Structures are given as structure tokens and as C-alpha cells.
Amino acid sequence: MEKLSDMIGTPSDPFESAAVVHRRHFLAAGAATMAAWGAGSGAAHAQAPKAKRVLAQSATEQDRAYMKQAIQLMRQAGVVDKTGGPFGAVVVRDGVVLAATGNSVLRDNDPSAHAEVNAIRMACKKVGAPNLKGATLFSSCEPCPMCYSTAYWARVGKIYYAAAWTDYADLFDDSNIDRDMKQSYAKRQVPVAQLMQSDAQQVWLDYRKMPEKTRY
């Protein structure tokens, strides 16, 4: 497959603001921040931005080229084709673009058709596996909880994003969903309750007995 650098050339300085979040660091920073909220301390709030700054310094010109394409796809989806919100994503592994696409929530009438989810689905189909170990996800915008979870389950190694949730909080609910998920089930916007746990536990018992069971 043709490398992105050959397709779009070298990007300019505006993309130097892209932030990067490694999967391990993202989880650690999130846990620390939640702990700080519970303790009333603001110390952990400074950890995540610091980690992002340090990791962002490792971005190369090629990384900026991939991000440039993600932003181009963002414009294509949201402003030109109007297939969904202005979001674009590119998945790259070993210098090869595995997938590049935009948001298609409106076109597909699918609330899960975010750019990152679409790109991860395409990339997994291309490699013939439900994981993308060693891949990097370039997103035009900070991944929402669903998109980050999809990247996590796909074992994406690193995520770069350009626009932050705060850049479009007046238009999309990413920040609201993030806050909602930090609350107990009883306080969430969408009520959650548990039913028939023992029945489901039995299925897990049966699954554990299967010699061909798979972990992913």
C-alpha cells in the first residue's frame, strides 16, 4: 500500500499541537485523575497533560502527515459530504495505512459509526484479525469513551489526536459522557440495573470448560 507521505506530502506547523496518548499511560492517567477527584486533590490533574506533552514530543513529520490526512477526512465527512460529524481517523502500522475514513453516523443511521470505530473496523478486516497490535491511531479529535474503548480492545499501541473535547463541547457530548461514566450506575443519565446474574454466570462456567475458548 502507498505510504501516506507519498500521497499528501509534508504537513505544516498547525499540526504540531497534536497530542498523543499511549494506551498504558492513558489508563494510568485516568485512574490517577479519578483518585484525585475522590480525595479532593488537584495533583493528579497535572499528570495527564504532562504525560501527553512528553509523548507528543516523539511525534515525527510522518506522524504529522498522517494527522493531516485525518483532519482532511474530518472536513470531508463533516463539511463536504455531511456523512456525520466532523471527525476523521487513520490507522497506521509499520508505515502502512491500514484504514482512513470519516464519521458516518448520519449516512449509516448508526450511532457507533464514529471515525475511529469505522477505521478500526476497516483495519481489522484488512489484517484479518480482531486486534491491531503495534498500530497507531490518528484521530482528528480526542476519542470519545466509545472510540477509546474500541482502540483499547483492538490493542492499538498509541493514539494521537488534534482537537480536544473542549474545542467542540458546545456541539457534541464527549465531555458529558465522560463525566457521566464516572458516576455510579444509579446516578447515570441512562439507568443501569443488574438482572439474572446467576443465569449469565452459568454461561461463563460453561465457557470456561471449552477447550477452544478464546481470549481477546
N, C-alpha and C. Protein backbone atom coordinates (compact mmCIF):
# COMPACT_ATOMS: atom_id res chain seq x y z
N MET A 1 0.85 -1.20 0.00
CA MET A 1 0.00 0.00 0.00
C MET A 1 0.88 1.24 0.00
N GLU A 2 0.44 2.27 -0.73
CA GLU A 2 1.20 3.51 -0.81
C GLU A 2 1.26 4.20 0.54
N LYS A 3 2.40 4.68 0.90
CA LYS A 3 2.56 5.39 2.17
C LYS A 3 1.89 6.76 2.09
N LEU A 4 1.39 7.22 3.19
CA LEU A 4 0.67 8.48 3.25
C LEU A 4 1.55 9.65 2.86
N SER A 5 2.83 9.59 3.22
CA SER A 5 3.72 10.69 2.91
C SER A 5 3.82 10.91 1.41
N ASP A 6 3.70 9.83 0.64
CA ASP A 6 3.75 9.94 -0.81
C ASP A 6 2.47 10.53 -1.36
N MET A 7 1.38 10.40 -0.61
CA MET A 7 0.08 10.87 -1.09
C MET A 7 -0.14 12.34 -0.80
N ILE A 8 0.31 12.80 0.39
CA ILE A 8 -0.07 14.15 0.78
C ILE A 8 1.10 15.08 1.08
N GLY A 9 2.30 14.57 1.06
CA GLY A 9 3.46 15.42 1.28
C GLY A 9 3.68 15.75 2.74
N THR A 10 4.48 16.75 2.98
CA THR A 10 4.85 17.12 4.36
C THR A 10 3.88 18.16 4.90
N PRO A 11 3.33 17.93 6.08
CA PRO A 11 2.37 18.87 6.66
C PRO A 11 3.06 20.10 7.22
N SER A 12 2.24 21.11 7.55
CA SER A 12 2.79 22.35 8.08
C SER A 12 2.63 22.42 9.58
N ASP A 13 3.10 23.51 10.18
CA ASP A 13 3.17 23.66 11.63
C ASP A 13 1.86 23.55 12.39
N PRO A 14 0.68 23.90 11.83
CA PRO A 14 -0.54 23.84 12.63
C PRO A 14 -0.78 22.49 13.28
N PHE A 15 -0.21 21.44 12.78
CA PHE A 15 -0.47 20.12 13.32
C PHE A 15 0.51 19.75 14.44
N GLU A 16 1.36 20.68 14.81
CA GLU A 16 2.28 20.42 15.91
C GLU A 16 1.55 20.33 17.25
N SER A 17 0.29 20.80 17.28
CA SER A 17 -0.47 20.78 18.53
C SER A 17 -1.07 19.42 18.82
N ALA A 18 -0.91 18.46 17.93
CA ALA A 18 -1.50 17.14 18.16
C ALA A 18 -0.95 16.52 19.44
N ALA A 19 -1.84 15.93 20.22
CA ALA A 19 -1.43 15.29 21.46
C ALA A 19 -1.42 13.79 21.26
N VAL A 20 -0.64 13.08 22.05
CA VAL A 20 -0.54 11.63 21.93
C VAL A 20 -0.80 10.99 23.28
N VAL A 21 -1.53 9.90 23.24
CA VAL A 21 -1.82 9.16 24.47
C VAL A 21 -1.51 7.69 24.24
N HIS A 22 -0.51 7.17 24.93
CA HIS A 22 -0.23 5.75 24.87
C HIS A 22 -1.27 5.03 25.71
N ARG A 23 -1.67 3.83 25.29
CA ARG A 23 -2.75 3.11 25.96
C ARG A 23 -2.46 2.92 27.45
N ARG A 24 -1.26 2.54 27.80
CA ARG A 24 -0.92 2.33 29.21
C ARG A 24 -0.97 3.64 29.97
N HIS A 25 -0.40 4.70 29.39
CA HIS A 25 -0.37 5.99 30.07
C HIS A 25 -1.77 6.57 30.20
N PHE A 26 -2.62 6.33 29.19
CA PHE A 26 -3.99 6.84 29.24
C PHE A 26 -4.72 6.25 30.43
N LEU A 27 -4.59 4.93 30.62
CA LEU A 27 -5.26 4.28 31.74
C LEU A 27 -4.70 4.76 33.08
N ALA A 28 -3.41 4.88 33.16
CA ALA A 28 -2.79 5.31 34.41
C ALA A 28 -3.20 6.73 34.75
N ALA A 29 -3.19 7.60 33.75
CA ALA A 29 -3.56 8.98 34.00
C ALA A 29 -5.02 9.08 34.40
N GLY A 30 -5.88 8.30 33.74
CA GLY A 30 -7.30 8.32 34.08
C GLY A 30 -7.54 7.84 35.49
N ALA A 31 -6.87 6.79 35.90
CA ALA A 31 -7.05 6.26 37.26
C ALA A 31 -6.56 7.27 38.29
N ALA A 32 -5.44 7.90 38.00
CA ALA A 32 -4.90 8.89 38.94
C ALA A 32 -5.83 10.09 39.07
N THR A 33 -6.41 10.51 37.95
CA THR A 33 -7.31 11.66 37.98
C THR A 33 -8.55 11.35 38.79
N MET A 34 -9.12 10.16 38.59
CA MET A 34 -10.31 9.78 39.33
C MET A 34 -10.02 9.68 40.82
N ALA A 35 -8.83 9.20 41.16
CA ALA A 35 -8.45 9.11 42.57
C ALA A 35 -8.35 10.50 43.18
N ALA A 36 -7.85 11.44 42.40
CA ALA A 36 -7.71 12.80 42.90
C ALA A 36 -9.07 13.43 43.14
N TRP A 37 -10.02 13.15 42.25
CA TRP A 37 -11.37 13.68 42.45
C TRP A 37 -11.94 13.17 43.76
N GLY A 38 -11.73 11.88 44.01
CA GLY A 38 -12.29 11.29 45.22
C GLY A 38 -11.64 11.86 46.47
N ALA A 39 -10.38 12.19 46.39
CA ALA A 39 -9.66 12.69 47.56
C ALA A 39 -9.70 14.20 47.68
N GLY A 40 -10.23 14.86 46.64
CA GLY A 40 -10.30 16.31 46.65
C GLY A 40 -8.97 16.96 46.34
N SER A 41 -8.04 16.21 45.76
CA SER A 41 -6.72 16.75 45.44
C SER A 41 -6.64 17.11 43.97
N GLY A 42 -5.90 18.15 43.63
CA GLY A 42 -5.75 18.54 42.24
C GLY A 42 -4.42 18.08 41.66
N ALA A 43 -3.62 17.35 42.42
CA ALA A 43 -2.28 16.98 41.97
C ALA A 43 -2.31 16.13 40.71
N ALA A 44 -3.23 15.15 40.67
CA ALA A 44 -3.26 14.23 39.54
C ALA A 44 -3.72 14.90 38.26
N HIS A 45 -4.43 16.03 38.37
CA HIS A 45 -4.92 16.71 37.18
C HIS A 45 -3.77 17.18 36.30
N ALA A 46 -2.61 17.43 36.89
CA ALA A 46 -1.46 17.91 36.12
C ALA A 46 -0.70 16.76 35.47
N GLN A 47 -0.95 15.52 35.91
CA GLN A 47 -0.17 14.39 35.41
C GLN A 47 -0.49 14.07 33.96
N ALA A 48 -1.78 14.03 33.61
CA ALA A 48 -2.17 13.66 32.25
C ALA A 48 -1.63 14.64 31.22
N PRO A 49 -1.81 15.96 31.38
CA PRO A 49 -1.25 16.89 30.41
C PRO A 49 0.26 16.77 30.28
N LYS A 50 0.94 16.55 31.40
CA LYS A 50 2.40 16.42 31.35
C LYS A 50 2.80 15.20 30.54
N ALA A 51 2.10 14.08 30.76
CA ALA A 51 2.40 12.85 30.03
C ALA A 51 2.16 13.04 28.54
N LYS A 52 1.08 13.75 28.20
CA LYS A 52 0.78 13.99 26.79
C LYS A 52 1.85 14.85 26.14
N ARG A 53 2.33 15.86 26.87
CA ARG A 53 3.36 16.73 26.30
C ARG A 53 4.64 15.96 26.03
N VAL A 54 5.01 15.12 26.97
CA VAL A 54 6.23 14.34 26.82
C VAL A 54 6.13 13.39 25.63
N LEU A 55 4.99 12.71 25.53
CA LEU A 55 4.82 11.76 24.44
C LEU A 55 4.68 12.45 23.10
N ALA A 56 4.04 13.62 23.08
CA ALA A 56 3.85 14.34 21.82
C ALA A 56 5.18 14.76 21.22
N GLN A 57 6.19 14.92 22.05
CA GLN A 57 7.50 15.33 21.56
C GLN A 57 8.13 14.27 20.67
N SER A 58 7.64 13.03 20.78
CA SER A 58 8.21 11.96 19.97
C SER A 58 7.58 11.89 18.58
N ALA A 59 6.58 12.73 18.32
CA ALA A 59 5.91 12.73 17.01
C ALA A 59 6.88 13.14 15.91
N THR A 60 6.81 12.44 14.78
CA THR A 60 7.67 12.71 13.64
C THR A 60 6.91 13.48 12.57
N GLU A 61 7.64 13.90 11.54
CA GLU A 61 6.98 14.56 10.41
C GLU A 61 6.02 13.60 9.72
N GLN A 62 6.37 12.34 9.70
CA GLN A 62 5.46 11.35 9.10
C GLN A 62 4.17 11.25 9.93
N ASP A 63 4.31 11.30 11.25
CA ASP A 63 3.13 11.29 12.11
C ASP A 63 2.24 12.49 11.80
N ARG A 64 2.85 13.65 11.58
CA ARG A 64 2.08 14.84 11.28
C ARG A 64 1.39 14.71 9.92
N ALA A 65 2.00 13.97 9.02
CA ALA A 65 1.38 13.73 7.72
C ALA A 65 0.14 12.86 7.87
N TYR A 66 0.23 11.84 8.71
CA TYR A 66 -0.94 11.00 8.97
C TYR A 66 -2.05 11.82 9.63
N MET A 67 -1.67 12.68 10.56
CA MET A 67 -2.67 13.52 11.21
C MET A 67 -3.29 14.50 10.22
N LYS A 68 -2.51 14.96 9.29
CA LYS A 68 -3.05 15.87 8.27
C LYS A 68 -4.14 15.17 7.49
N GLN A 69 -3.95 13.91 7.16
CA GLN A 69 -4.98 13.19 6.44
C GLN A 69 -6.23 13.02 7.30
N ALA A 70 -6.04 12.73 8.58
CA ALA A 70 -7.18 12.58 9.48
C ALA A 70 -8.00 13.87 9.51
N ILE A 71 -7.34 15.01 9.51
CA ILE A 71 -8.03 16.30 9.54
C ILE A 71 -8.71 16.57 8.20
N GLN A 72 -8.08 16.13 7.10
CA GLN A 72 -8.72 16.24 5.79
C GLN A 72 -10.01 15.42 5.75
N LEU A 73 -9.95 14.22 6.32
CA LEU A 73 -11.13 13.36 6.38
C LEU A 73 -12.20 13.96 7.30
N MET A 74 -11.76 14.63 8.33
CA MET A 74 -12.66 15.34 9.24
C MET A 74 -13.49 16.36 8.46
N ARG A 75 -12.83 17.15 7.65
CA ARG A 75 -13.52 18.15 6.84
C ARG A 75 -14.43 17.49 5.81
N GLN A 76 -13.93 16.43 5.18
CA GLN A 76 -14.72 15.75 4.16
C GLN A 76 -16.02 15.21 4.72
N ALA A 77 -15.94 14.58 5.89
CA ALA A 77 -17.12 13.97 6.49
C ALA A 77 -18.11 15.00 7.01
N GLY A 78 -17.61 16.02 7.71
CA GLY A 78 -18.50 16.95 8.38
C GLY A 78 -18.94 18.14 7.56
N VAL A 79 -18.07 18.63 6.67
CA VAL A 79 -18.35 19.87 5.95
C VAL A 79 -18.73 19.63 4.49
N VAL A 80 -18.03 18.69 3.84
CA VAL A 80 -18.24 18.47 2.41
C VAL A 80 -19.35 17.45 2.15
N ASP A 81 -19.12 16.20 2.59
CA ASP A 81 -20.08 15.14 2.31
C ASP A 81 -21.24 15.09 3.31
N LYS A 82 -21.01 15.62 4.49
CA LYS A 82 -22.04 15.64 5.54
C LYS A 82 -22.54 14.24 5.89
N THR A 83 -21.61 13.28 5.93
CA THR A 83 -21.97 11.90 6.30
C THR A 83 -22.13 11.75 7.81
N GLY A 84 -21.64 12.72 8.56
CA GLY A 84 -21.70 12.69 10.01
C GLY A 84 -21.01 13.91 10.56
N GLY A 85 -20.64 13.87 11.81
CA GLY A 85 -19.91 14.99 12.40
C GLY A 85 -18.53 15.13 11.80
N PRO A 86 -17.85 16.26 12.05
CA PRO A 86 -16.52 16.49 11.51
C PRO A 86 -15.44 15.73 12.29
N PHE A 87 -15.31 14.47 11.94
CA PHE A 87 -14.34 13.60 12.59
C PHE A 87 -13.69 12.71 11.53
N GLY A 88 -12.36 12.55 11.62
CA GLY A 88 -11.64 11.68 10.70
C GLY A 88 -10.60 10.87 11.46
N ALA A 89 -10.24 9.71 10.93
CA ALA A 89 -9.27 8.85 11.61
C ALA A 89 -8.46 8.04 10.61
N VAL A 90 -7.22 7.78 10.99
CA VAL A 90 -6.30 6.99 10.18
C VAL A 90 -5.62 5.97 11.09
N VAL A 91 -5.54 4.73 10.63
CA VAL A 91 -4.84 3.67 11.38
C VAL A 91 -3.61 3.27 10.59
N VAL A 92 -2.46 3.29 11.26
CA VAL A 92 -1.19 3.01 10.59
C VAL A 92 -0.42 1.95 11.39
N ARG A 93 0.20 1.03 10.67
CA ARG A 93 1.09 0.07 11.32
C ARG A 93 2.27 -0.22 10.41
N ASP A 94 3.45 -0.14 10.97
CA ASP A 94 4.68 -0.40 10.22
C ASP A 94 4.77 0.44 8.95
N GLY A 95 4.37 1.70 9.06
CA GLY A 95 4.48 2.60 7.92
C GLY A 95 3.44 2.42 6.85
N VAL A 96 2.45 1.58 7.10
CA VAL A 96 1.40 1.33 6.11
C VAL A 96 0.06 1.81 6.65
N VAL A 97 -0.69 2.54 5.82
CA VAL A 97 -2.02 2.98 6.20
C VAL A 97 -2.99 1.81 6.04
N LEU A 98 -3.51 1.31 7.15
CA LEU A 98 -4.45 0.19 7.10
C LEU A 98 -5.88 0.66 6.86
N ALA A 99 -6.20 1.87 7.30
CA ALA A 99 -7.55 2.41 7.12
C ALA A 99 -7.52 3.91 7.28
N ALA A 100 -8.38 4.59 6.53
CA ALA A 100 -8.51 6.04 6.62
C ALA A 100 -9.95 6.38 6.26
N THR A 101 -10.68 6.96 7.19
CA THR A 101 -12.10 7.22 6.94
C THR A 101 -12.62 8.29 7.88
N GLY A 102 -13.89 8.66 7.66
CA GLY A 102 -14.51 9.68 8.48
C GLY A 102 -15.73 9.17 9.21
N ASN A 103 -16.38 10.04 9.91
CA ASN A 103 -17.60 9.74 10.64
C ASN A 103 -18.74 9.51 9.66
N SER A 104 -19.58 8.50 9.91
CA SER A 104 -20.70 8.21 9.00
C SER A 104 -21.99 7.94 9.78
N VAL A 105 -22.13 8.57 10.93
CA VAL A 105 -23.30 8.37 11.79
C VAL A 105 -24.59 8.72 11.04
N LEU A 106 -24.62 9.85 10.35
CA LEU A 106 -25.83 10.29 9.65
C LEU A 106 -26.09 9.47 8.40
N ARG A 107 -25.06 9.17 7.65
CA ARG A 107 -25.23 8.39 6.42
C ARG A 107 -25.73 6.99 6.71
N ASP A 108 -25.16 6.36 7.75
CA ASP A 108 -25.48 4.97 8.06
C ASP A 108 -26.58 4.82 9.11
N ASN A 109 -27.04 5.95 9.67
CA ASN A 109 -28.01 5.87 10.78
C ASN A 109 -27.49 4.93 11.87
N ASP A 110 -26.20 5.11 12.20
CA ASP A 110 -25.52 4.23 13.14
C ASP A 110 -24.77 5.09 14.15
N PRO A 111 -25.25 5.15 15.39
CA PRO A 111 -24.58 5.99 16.39
C PRO A 111 -23.17 5.54 16.74
N SER A 112 -22.82 4.31 16.36
CA SER A 112 -21.47 3.82 16.64
C SER A 112 -20.50 4.08 15.49
N ALA A 113 -20.98 4.67 14.40
CA ALA A 113 -20.14 4.85 13.22
C ALA A 113 -19.26 6.09 13.33
N HIS A 114 -18.56 6.20 14.46
CA HIS A 114 -17.58 7.27 14.62
C HIS A 114 -16.37 6.97 13.74
N ALA A 115 -15.62 7.99 13.43
CA ALA A 115 -14.47 7.81 12.53
C ALA A 115 -13.49 6.77 13.05
N GLU A 116 -13.19 6.83 14.35
CA GLU A 116 -12.22 5.90 14.91
C GLU A 116 -12.73 4.45 14.86
N VAL A 117 -14.00 4.27 15.19
CA VAL A 117 -14.58 2.92 15.14
C VAL A 117 -14.60 2.41 13.70
N ASN A 118 -15.02 3.26 12.76
CA ASN A 118 -15.02 2.86 11.35
C ASN A 118 -13.62 2.46 10.89
N ALA A 119 -12.63 3.26 11.27
CA ALA A 119 -11.26 2.98 10.84
C ALA A 119 -10.73 1.69 11.45
N ILE A 120 -11.02 1.47 12.72
CA ILE A 120 -10.55 0.25 13.38
C ILE A 120 -11.22 -0.98 12.77
N ARG A 121 -12.51 -0.89 12.48
CA ARG A 121 -13.20 -2.00 11.82
C ARG A 121 -12.56 -2.32 10.48
N MET A 122 -12.31 -1.28 9.69
CA MET A 122 -11.70 -1.48 8.38
C MET A 122 -10.31 -2.09 8.49
N ALA A 123 -9.53 -1.59 9.44
CA ALA A 123 -8.17 -2.08 9.60
C ALA A 123 -8.16 -3.53 10.05
N CYS A 124 -9.03 -3.90 10.97
CA CYS A 124 -9.08 -5.28 11.45
C CYS A 124 -9.48 -6.23 10.33
N LYS A 125 -10.43 -5.81 9.50
CA LYS A 125 -10.82 -6.64 8.36
C LYS A 125 -9.66 -6.80 7.39
N LYS A 126 -8.89 -5.72 7.22
CA LYS A 126 -7.77 -5.78 6.29
C LYS A 126 -6.69 -6.75 6.75
N VAL A 127 -6.40 -6.75 8.04
CA VAL A 127 -5.35 -7.64 8.55
C VAL A 127 -5.89 -9.02 8.90
N GLY A 128 -7.22 -9.18 8.91
CA GLY A 128 -7.81 -10.48 9.21
C GLY A 128 -7.66 -10.91 10.65
N ALA A 129 -7.75 -9.94 11.56
CA ALA A 129 -7.62 -10.24 12.98
C ALA A 129 -8.41 -9.21 13.79
N PRO A 130 -8.87 -9.58 15.00
CA PRO A 130 -9.62 -8.64 15.82
C PRO A 130 -8.74 -7.72 16.65
N ASN A 131 -7.47 -7.64 16.31
CA ASN A 131 -6.58 -6.75 17.05
C ASN A 131 -5.59 -6.09 16.10
N LEU A 132 -5.06 -4.98 16.54
CA LEU A 132 -4.13 -4.19 15.73
C LEU A 132 -2.88 -3.87 16.54
N LYS A 133 -2.29 -4.90 17.12
CA LYS A 133 -1.11 -4.71 17.96
C LYS A 133 -0.02 -3.97 17.20
N GLY A 134 0.51 -2.94 17.85
CA GLY A 134 1.59 -2.17 17.24
C GLY A 134 1.11 -1.05 16.34
N ALA A 135 -0.20 -0.91 16.17
CA ALA A 135 -0.73 0.14 15.29
C ALA A 135 -0.86 1.46 16.04
N THR A 136 -0.90 2.53 15.28
CA THR A 136 -1.15 3.86 15.83
C THR A 136 -2.42 4.41 15.22
N LEU A 137 -3.26 4.99 16.07
CA LEU A 137 -4.50 5.62 15.63
C LEU A 137 -4.31 7.13 15.62
N PHE A 138 -4.54 7.74 14.47
CA PHE A 138 -4.50 9.20 14.35
C PHE A 138 -5.94 9.68 14.20
N SER A 139 -6.40 10.46 15.18
CA SER A 139 -7.77 10.94 15.18
C SER A 139 -7.79 12.46 15.12
N SER A 140 -8.66 13.00 14.31
CA SER A 140 -8.75 14.46 14.20
C SER A 140 -9.21 15.09 15.50
N CYS A 141 -9.88 14.28 16.35
CA CYS A 141 -10.41 14.79 17.60
C CYS A 141 -10.16 13.79 18.73
N GLU A 142 -10.15 14.29 19.94
CA GLU A 142 -9.93 13.43 21.10
C GLU A 142 -10.97 12.32 21.12
N PRO A 143 -10.56 11.06 21.17
CA PRO A 143 -11.53 9.95 21.12
C PRO A 143 -12.53 9.99 22.27
N CYS A 144 -13.79 9.77 21.93
CA CYS A 144 -14.81 9.67 22.96
C CYS A 144 -14.61 8.36 23.72
N PRO A 145 -15.32 8.14 24.83
CA PRO A 145 -15.15 6.90 25.58
C PRO A 145 -15.36 5.64 24.73
N MET A 146 -16.34 5.67 23.82
CA MET A 146 -16.58 4.50 22.96
C MET A 146 -15.39 4.25 22.04
N CYS A 147 -14.89 5.31 21.42
CA CYS A 147 -13.79 5.14 20.48
C CYS A 147 -12.50 4.72 21.19
N TYR A 148 -12.26 5.30 22.37
CA TYR A 148 -11.08 4.87 23.11
C TYR A 148 -11.21 3.41 23.51
N SER A 149 -12.40 3.00 23.94
CA SER A 149 -12.61 1.59 24.33
C SER A 149 -12.39 0.66 23.14
N THR A 150 -12.86 1.08 21.97
CA THR A 150 -12.65 0.27 20.77
C THR A 150 -11.17 0.14 20.46
N ALA A 151 -10.44 1.24 20.58
CA ALA A 151 -8.99 1.20 20.36
C ALA A 151 -8.32 0.31 21.39
N TYR A 152 -8.78 0.39 22.62
CA TYR A 152 -8.21 -0.44 23.69
C TYR A 152 -8.42 -1.92 23.38
N TRP A 153 -9.65 -2.30 23.03
CA TRP A 153 -9.95 -3.71 22.72
C TRP A 153 -9.20 -4.17 21.48
N ALA A 154 -8.94 -3.25 20.56
CA ALA A 154 -8.18 -3.60 19.35
C ALA A 154 -6.68 -3.66 19.62
N ARG A 155 -6.28 -3.35 20.86
CA ARG A 155 -4.87 -3.37 21.26
C ARG A 155 -4.02 -2.38 20.46
N VAL A 156 -4.65 -1.26 20.10
CA VAL A 156 -3.90 -0.18 19.46
C VAL A 156 -2.80 0.27 20.41
N GLY A 157 -1.63 0.50 19.88
CA GLY A 157 -0.49 0.83 20.74
C GLY A 157 -0.40 2.28 21.15
N LYS A 158 -0.91 3.19 20.31
CA LYS A 158 -0.74 4.60 20.59
C LYS A 158 -1.82 5.39 19.86
N ILE A 159 -2.26 6.50 20.46
CA ILE A 159 -3.28 7.34 19.87
C ILE A 159 -2.79 8.79 19.83
N TYR A 160 -2.84 9.39 18.65
CA TYR A 160 -2.62 10.82 18.51
C TYR A 160 -3.97 11.47 18.20
N TYR A 161 -4.22 12.64 18.78
CA TYR A 161 -5.43 13.38 18.42
C TYR A 161 -5.10 14.86 18.28
N ALA A 162 -5.94 15.58 17.54
CA ALA A 162 -5.71 17.00 17.29
C ALA A 162 -6.63 17.86 18.17
N ALA A 163 -7.90 18.02 17.79
CA ALA A 163 -8.82 18.84 18.57
C ALA A 163 -9.19 18.14 19.88
N ALA A 164 -9.34 18.93 20.95
CA ALA A 164 -9.72 18.39 22.26
C ALA A 164 -11.23 18.49 22.44
N TRP A 165 -11.77 17.73 23.40
CA TRP A 165 -13.20 17.78 23.69
C TRP A 165 -13.66 19.21 23.91
N THR A 166 -12.84 20.00 24.59
CA THR A 166 -13.23 21.38 24.91
C THR A 166 -13.36 22.26 23.67
N ASP A 167 -12.80 21.82 22.54
CA ASP A 167 -12.89 22.60 21.31
C ASP A 167 -14.27 22.53 20.69
N TYR A 168 -15.05 21.53 21.06
CA TYR A 168 -16.39 21.39 20.45
C TYR A 168 -17.43 20.92 21.47
N ALA A 169 -17.21 21.28 22.73
CA ALA A 169 -18.13 20.85 23.80
C ALA A 169 -19.53 21.42 23.63
N ASP A 170 -19.66 22.50 22.87
CA ASP A 170 -20.97 23.10 22.64
C ASP A 170 -21.77 22.35 21.57
N LEU A 171 -21.11 21.39 20.90
CA LEU A 171 -21.76 20.68 19.80
C LEU A 171 -21.93 19.19 20.04
N PHE A 172 -20.97 18.57 20.74
CA PHE A 172 -21.02 17.12 20.94
C PHE A 172 -20.83 16.78 22.42
N ASP A 173 -21.31 15.61 22.81
CA ASP A 173 -21.42 15.22 24.22
C ASP A 173 -20.23 14.46 24.80
N ASP A 174 -19.08 14.48 24.14
CA ASP A 174 -17.95 13.67 24.60
C ASP A 174 -17.62 13.93 26.06
N SER A 175 -17.52 15.20 26.44
CA SER A 175 -17.19 15.54 27.82
C SER A 175 -18.29 15.11 28.78
N ASN A 176 -19.55 15.28 28.35
CA ASN A 176 -20.68 14.88 29.19
C ASN A 176 -20.71 13.38 29.43
N ILE A 177 -20.43 12.61 28.39
CA ILE A 177 -20.42 11.15 28.53
C ILE A 177 -19.29 10.73 29.47
N ASP A 178 -18.14 11.37 29.32
CA ASP A 178 -17.00 11.06 30.18
C ASP A 178 -17.36 11.29 31.64
N ARG A 179 -17.99 12.43 31.93
CA ARG A 179 -18.39 12.72 33.31
C ARG A 179 -19.46 11.74 33.80
N ASP A 180 -20.39 11.42 32.92
CA ASP A 180 -21.48 10.52 33.29
C ASP A 180 -20.96 9.14 33.67
N MET A 181 -19.97 8.64 32.93
CA MET A 181 -19.44 7.30 33.18
C MET A 181 -18.67 7.22 34.48
N LYS A 182 -18.26 8.34 35.03
CA LYS A 182 -17.53 8.34 36.29
C LYS A 182 -18.48 8.28 37.49
N GLN A 183 -19.77 8.38 37.22
CA GLN A 183 -20.75 8.32 38.30
C GLN A 183 -21.19 6.87 38.55
N SER A 184 -21.82 6.66 39.70
CA SER A 184 -22.37 5.33 39.97
C SER A 184 -23.52 5.06 39.01
N TYR A 185 -23.86 3.78 38.83
CA TYR A 185 -24.94 3.43 37.92
C TYR A 185 -26.22 4.19 38.27
N ALA A 186 -26.50 4.34 39.54
CA ALA A 186 -27.75 4.97 39.97
C ALA A 186 -27.85 6.43 39.55
N LYS A 187 -26.71 7.08 39.32
CA LYS A 187 -26.71 8.50 39.00
C LYS A 187 -26.50 8.79 37.52
N ARG A 188 -26.33 7.76 36.71
CA ARG A 188 -26.04 7.99 35.30
C ARG A 188 -27.27 8.43 34.51
N GLN A 189 -26.99 9.08 33.38
CA GLN A 189 -28.04 9.58 32.51
C GLN A 189 -28.92 8.45 32.01
N VAL A 190 -28.29 7.33 31.65
CA VAL A 190 -29.03 6.14 31.22
C VAL A 190 -29.03 5.16 32.38
N PRO A 191 -30.18 4.89 32.99
CA PRO A 191 -30.23 3.99 34.15
C PRO A 191 -29.69 2.60 33.83
N VAL A 192 -28.95 2.03 34.76
CA VAL A 192 -28.36 0.70 34.60
C VAL A 192 -28.71 -0.15 35.82
N ALA A 193 -29.23 -1.36 35.60
CA ALA A 193 -29.56 -2.27 36.69
C ALA A 193 -29.19 -3.69 36.30
N GLN A 194 -28.92 -4.52 37.27
CA GLN A 194 -28.49 -5.90 37.01
C GLN A 194 -29.67 -6.85 37.16
N LEU A 195 -29.79 -7.80 36.21
CA LEU A 195 -30.84 -8.82 36.25
C LEU A 195 -30.25 -10.18 35.90
N MET A 196 -30.72 -11.24 36.54
CA MET A 196 -30.43 -12.63 36.19
C MET A 196 -28.94 -12.94 36.14
N GLN A 197 -28.20 -12.47 37.15
CA GLN A 197 -26.76 -12.69 37.20
C GLN A 197 -26.41 -14.17 37.21
N SER A 198 -27.15 -14.97 37.96
CA SER A 198 -26.82 -16.40 38.07
C SER A 198 -26.93 -17.11 36.73
N ASP A 199 -27.90 -16.72 35.91
CA ASP A 199 -28.04 -17.33 34.59
C ASP A 199 -26.83 -17.02 33.71
N ALA A 200 -26.40 -15.78 33.78
CA ALA A 200 -25.23 -15.39 32.99
C ALA A 200 -23.96 -16.05 33.52
N GLN A 201 -23.87 -16.19 34.84
CA GLN A 201 -22.70 -16.85 35.43
C GLN A 201 -22.58 -18.29 34.95
N GLN A 202 -23.71 -18.95 34.72
CA GLN A 202 -23.68 -20.33 34.25
C GLN A 202 -23.07 -20.42 32.86
N VAL A 203 -23.38 -19.43 32.02
CA VAL A 203 -22.78 -19.41 30.69
C VAL A 203 -21.27 -19.25 30.79
N TRP A 204 -20.82 -18.41 31.73
CA TRP A 204 -19.38 -18.25 31.92
C TRP A 204 -18.74 -19.54 32.41
N LEU A 205 -19.43 -20.27 33.26
CA LEU A 205 -18.91 -21.55 33.72
C LEU A 205 -18.76 -22.52 32.56
N ASP A 206 -19.76 -22.55 31.69
CA ASP A 206 -19.71 -23.43 30.52
C ASP A 206 -18.60 -22.98 29.56
N TYR A 207 -18.45 -21.69 29.41
CA TYR A 207 -17.43 -21.18 28.50
C TYR A 207 -16.03 -21.55 28.99
N ARG A 208 -15.82 -21.46 30.29
CA ARG A 208 -14.50 -21.80 30.84
C ARG A 208 -14.13 -23.26 30.61
N LYS A 209 -15.12 -24.12 30.47
CA LYS A 209 -14.86 -25.54 30.24
C LYS A 209 -14.50 -25.85 28.79
N MET A 210 -14.75 -24.90 27.91
CA MET A 210 -14.48 -25.15 26.49
C MET A 210 -12.98 -25.14 26.22
N PRO A 211 -12.45 -26.20 25.63
CA PRO A 211 -11.01 -26.23 25.33
C PRO A 211 -10.61 -25.21 24.28
N GLU A 212 -11.56 -24.83 23.41
CA GLU A 212 -11.23 -23.91 22.32
C GLU A 212 -11.61 -22.46 22.65
N LYS A 213 -11.85 -22.14 23.90
CA LYS A 213 -12.22 -20.77 24.27
C LYS A 213 -11.09 -19.81 23.91
N THR A 214 -11.49 -18.62 23.58
CA THR A 214 -10.52 -17.62 23.11
C THR A 214 -10.59 -16.36 23.95
N ARG A 215 -9.45 -15.85 24.31
CA ARG A 215 -9.37 -14.55 24.96
C ARG A 215 -8.96 -13.51 23.95
N TYR A 216 -9.58 -12.37 24.03
CA TYR A 216 -9.19 -11.28 23.14
C TYR A 216 -9.25 -9.98 23.87
